[in-house]
N, C-alpha and C. Protein backbone atom coordinates (compact mmCIF):
# COMPACT_ATOMS: atom_id res chain seq x y z
N MET A 1 75.53 -60.16 126.01
CA MET A 1 74.19 -59.90 125.55
C MET A 1 74.01 -58.39 125.45
N ALA A 2 73.50 -57.96 124.32
CA ALA A 2 73.56 -56.56 123.96
C ALA A 2 72.41 -55.68 124.44
N THR A 3 71.24 -56.22 124.75
CA THR A 3 70.09 -55.39 125.09
C THR A 3 69.63 -55.64 126.51
N ASP A 4 68.65 -54.82 126.96
CA ASP A 4 68.13 -54.97 128.31
C ASP A 4 67.35 -56.27 128.50
N GLN A 5 66.65 -56.72 127.46
CA GLN A 5 65.92 -57.98 127.51
C GLN A 5 66.30 -58.80 126.28
N PRO A 6 67.49 -59.36 126.29
CA PRO A 6 67.97 -60.06 125.10
C PRO A 6 67.37 -61.43 124.88
N VAL A 7 66.67 -61.98 125.88
CA VAL A 7 66.08 -63.31 125.75
C VAL A 7 64.57 -63.15 125.64
N VAL A 8 64.01 -63.69 124.56
CA VAL A 8 62.55 -63.67 124.38
C VAL A 8 62.07 -65.11 124.33
N VAL A 9 61.11 -65.42 125.20
CA VAL A 9 60.49 -66.75 125.23
C VAL A 9 59.06 -66.56 124.73
N PHE A 10 58.75 -67.16 123.59
CA PHE A 10 57.47 -66.99 122.95
C PHE A 10 56.39 -67.88 123.57
N PRO A 11 55.12 -67.60 123.28
CA PRO A 11 54.03 -68.40 123.87
C PRO A 11 54.16 -69.88 123.53
N PRO A 12 53.60 -70.73 124.39
CA PRO A 12 53.65 -72.18 124.14
C PRO A 12 52.92 -72.56 122.86
N SER A 13 53.49 -73.47 122.11
CA SER A 13 52.83 -74.02 120.93
C SER A 13 51.91 -75.15 121.36
N SER A 14 51.27 -75.79 120.41
CA SER A 14 50.32 -76.86 120.74
C SER A 14 50.99 -78.04 121.45
N ASP A 15 52.29 -78.23 121.25
CA ASP A 15 53.00 -79.33 121.91
C ASP A 15 53.68 -78.89 123.21
N GLY A 16 53.50 -77.61 123.60
CA GLY A 16 54.07 -77.11 124.84
C GLY A 16 55.45 -76.51 124.69
N GLY A 17 56.04 -76.61 123.51
CA GLY A 17 57.35 -76.01 123.28
C GLY A 17 57.24 -74.51 123.10
N ARG A 18 58.27 -73.80 123.54
CA ARG A 18 58.30 -72.34 123.41
C ARG A 18 59.56 -71.94 122.65
N ARG A 19 59.38 -71.21 121.55
CA ARG A 19 60.52 -70.73 120.78
C ARG A 19 61.32 -69.76 121.63
N VAL A 20 62.63 -69.78 121.46
CA VAL A 20 63.52 -68.93 122.25
C VAL A 20 64.45 -68.18 121.30
N ARG A 21 64.51 -66.86 121.51
CA ARG A 21 65.45 -66.01 120.77
C ARG A 21 66.39 -65.35 121.78
N ILE A 22 67.65 -65.33 121.45
CA ILE A 22 68.64 -64.64 122.28
C ILE A 22 69.39 -63.66 121.38
N ASP A 23 69.36 -62.40 121.79
CA ASP A 23 69.98 -61.33 120.99
C ASP A 23 69.48 -61.34 119.54
N GLY A 24 68.17 -61.59 119.37
CA GLY A 24 67.57 -61.55 118.04
C GLY A 24 67.78 -62.78 117.20
N ARG A 25 68.40 -63.80 117.76
CA ARG A 25 68.69 -65.04 117.00
C ARG A 25 67.93 -66.21 117.62
N PHE A 26 67.22 -66.96 116.76
CA PHE A 26 66.51 -68.15 117.21
C PHE A 26 67.53 -69.19 117.66
N VAL A 27 67.38 -69.68 118.91
CA VAL A 27 68.34 -70.66 119.42
C VAL A 27 67.73 -72.03 119.65
N GLY A 28 66.40 -72.14 119.62
CA GLY A 28 65.79 -73.44 119.80
C GLY A 28 64.42 -73.36 120.42
N ILE A 29 63.91 -74.52 120.77
CA ILE A 29 62.59 -74.63 121.40
C ILE A 29 62.79 -75.24 122.78
N ALA A 30 62.28 -74.55 123.78
CA ALA A 30 62.37 -75.03 125.16
C ALA A 30 61.06 -75.71 125.53
N TYR A 31 61.17 -76.83 126.23
CA TYR A 31 60.00 -77.56 126.72
C TYR A 31 59.92 -77.49 128.23
N GLY A 32 60.78 -76.70 128.84
CA GLY A 32 60.80 -76.50 130.28
C GLY A 32 61.96 -75.60 130.64
N LEU A 33 62.04 -75.26 131.92
CA LEU A 33 63.09 -74.35 132.38
C LEU A 33 64.49 -74.89 132.14
N LEU A 34 64.67 -76.20 132.26
CA LEU A 34 66.01 -76.76 132.05
C LEU A 34 66.51 -76.52 130.63
N ASP A 35 65.61 -76.60 129.65
CA ASP A 35 66.00 -76.30 128.27
C ASP A 35 66.42 -74.83 128.15
N LEU A 36 65.66 -73.95 128.77
CA LEU A 36 65.98 -72.54 128.72
C LEU A 36 67.31 -72.24 129.42
N VAL A 37 67.56 -72.92 130.53
CA VAL A 37 68.84 -72.79 131.22
C VAL A 37 69.98 -73.16 130.28
N ALA A 38 69.84 -74.24 129.55
CA ALA A 38 70.89 -74.67 128.62
C ALA A 38 71.14 -73.61 127.55
N PHE A 39 70.07 -72.99 127.03
CA PHE A 39 70.24 -71.96 126.01
C PHE A 39 70.98 -70.74 126.56
N VAL A 40 70.62 -70.27 127.75
CA VAL A 40 71.30 -69.08 128.28
C VAL A 40 72.74 -69.41 128.71
N GLN A 41 72.97 -70.63 129.15
CA GLN A 41 74.34 -71.02 129.47
C GLN A 41 75.20 -71.02 128.21
N GLU A 42 74.67 -71.52 127.10
CA GLU A 42 75.40 -71.51 125.83
C GLU A 42 75.66 -70.08 125.35
N ALA A 43 74.78 -69.15 125.75
CA ALA A 43 74.92 -67.76 125.34
C ALA A 43 75.90 -66.99 126.23
N GLY A 44 76.45 -67.65 127.25
CA GLY A 44 77.47 -67.01 128.05
C GLY A 44 77.16 -66.85 129.53
N LEU A 45 76.00 -67.27 129.96
CA LEU A 45 75.65 -67.17 131.39
C LEU A 45 75.75 -68.55 132.04
N GLN A 46 76.98 -69.07 132.08
CA GLN A 46 77.22 -70.44 132.52
C GLN A 46 76.79 -70.73 133.94
N ASP A 47 76.77 -69.74 134.81
CA ASP A 47 76.43 -69.98 136.21
C ASP A 47 74.94 -69.95 136.49
N TRP A 48 74.13 -69.69 135.49
CA TRP A 48 72.68 -69.58 135.71
C TRP A 48 72.06 -70.95 135.92
N ASP A 49 71.02 -70.97 136.78
CA ASP A 49 70.24 -72.18 137.01
C ASP A 49 68.76 -71.86 136.80
N GLU A 50 67.88 -72.81 137.15
CA GLU A 50 66.44 -72.62 136.94
C GLU A 50 65.89 -71.40 137.69
N MET A 51 66.34 -71.17 138.90
CA MET A 51 65.85 -70.03 139.67
C MET A 51 66.28 -68.71 139.03
N ASP A 52 67.50 -68.65 138.53
CA ASP A 52 67.97 -67.44 137.85
C ASP A 52 67.11 -67.14 136.62
N VAL A 53 66.83 -68.18 135.84
CA VAL A 53 66.03 -68.02 134.63
C VAL A 53 64.61 -67.58 134.99
N ALA A 54 64.02 -68.17 136.00
CA ALA A 54 62.64 -67.85 136.37
C ALA A 54 62.49 -66.42 136.87
N ARG A 55 63.54 -65.85 137.45
CA ARG A 55 63.46 -64.51 138.05
C ARG A 55 64.14 -63.41 137.23
N ALA A 56 64.81 -63.74 136.16
CA ALA A 56 65.66 -62.78 135.45
C ALA A 56 64.87 -61.69 134.73
N SER A 57 65.31 -60.46 134.89
CA SER A 57 64.72 -59.35 134.15
C SER A 57 65.24 -59.32 132.71
N LEU A 58 66.25 -60.12 132.41
CA LEU A 58 66.78 -60.20 131.05
C LEU A 58 65.88 -60.99 130.12
N ILE A 59 64.87 -61.65 130.68
CA ILE A 59 64.01 -62.53 129.89
C ILE A 59 62.63 -61.90 129.74
N GLU A 60 62.18 -61.81 128.50
CA GLU A 60 60.83 -61.35 128.20
C GLU A 60 59.96 -62.58 127.94
N TRP A 61 59.02 -62.81 128.81
CA TRP A 61 58.12 -63.95 128.70
C TRP A 61 56.86 -63.50 127.95
N ARG A 62 56.58 -64.11 126.83
CA ARG A 62 55.38 -63.79 126.06
C ARG A 62 54.41 -64.96 126.15
N GLY A 63 53.15 -64.64 126.42
CA GLY A 63 52.14 -65.68 126.48
C GLY A 63 52.23 -66.54 127.73
N GLY A 64 52.70 -65.98 128.81
CA GLY A 64 52.82 -66.71 130.07
C GLY A 64 54.24 -66.69 130.59
N GLY A 65 54.37 -66.80 131.87
CA GLY A 65 55.66 -66.74 132.53
C GLY A 65 56.38 -68.07 132.56
N PRO A 66 57.31 -68.21 133.49
CA PRO A 66 58.14 -69.41 133.55
C PRO A 66 57.39 -70.69 133.92
N ASP A 67 56.14 -70.56 134.35
CA ASP A 67 55.36 -71.75 134.68
C ASP A 67 54.44 -72.20 133.55
N ALA A 68 54.37 -71.45 132.46
CA ALA A 68 53.44 -71.74 131.36
C ALA A 68 54.14 -72.55 130.26
N TRP A 69 53.82 -73.83 130.21
CA TRP A 69 54.44 -74.69 129.19
C TRP A 69 53.43 -75.47 128.38
N SER A 70 52.16 -75.11 128.46
CA SER A 70 51.16 -75.70 127.58
C SER A 70 50.25 -74.58 127.12
N PRO A 71 49.65 -74.70 125.92
CA PRO A 71 48.90 -73.60 125.35
C PRO A 71 47.69 -73.16 126.17
N GLU A 72 47.15 -74.01 126.99
CA GLU A 72 45.96 -73.63 127.75
C GLU A 72 46.27 -72.95 129.08
N GLU A 73 47.53 -72.80 129.45
CA GLU A 73 47.88 -72.14 130.71
C GLU A 73 47.83 -70.64 130.57
């Protein structure tokens, strides 16, 4: 991963999904931390789990942190 914050998690949409970009590339929509874990593992961080994702400085959370998965949170 090339930058200081290569993972961007966008605000929740109306269905609770959050768009995810890694190194500037759209990789999918996460509906919870497990989805995000799968995306970062595919990007090369195979040992990461939910706690790593929730605390990582590599992730820029927009529109709410790791606990925000619906638009009203």
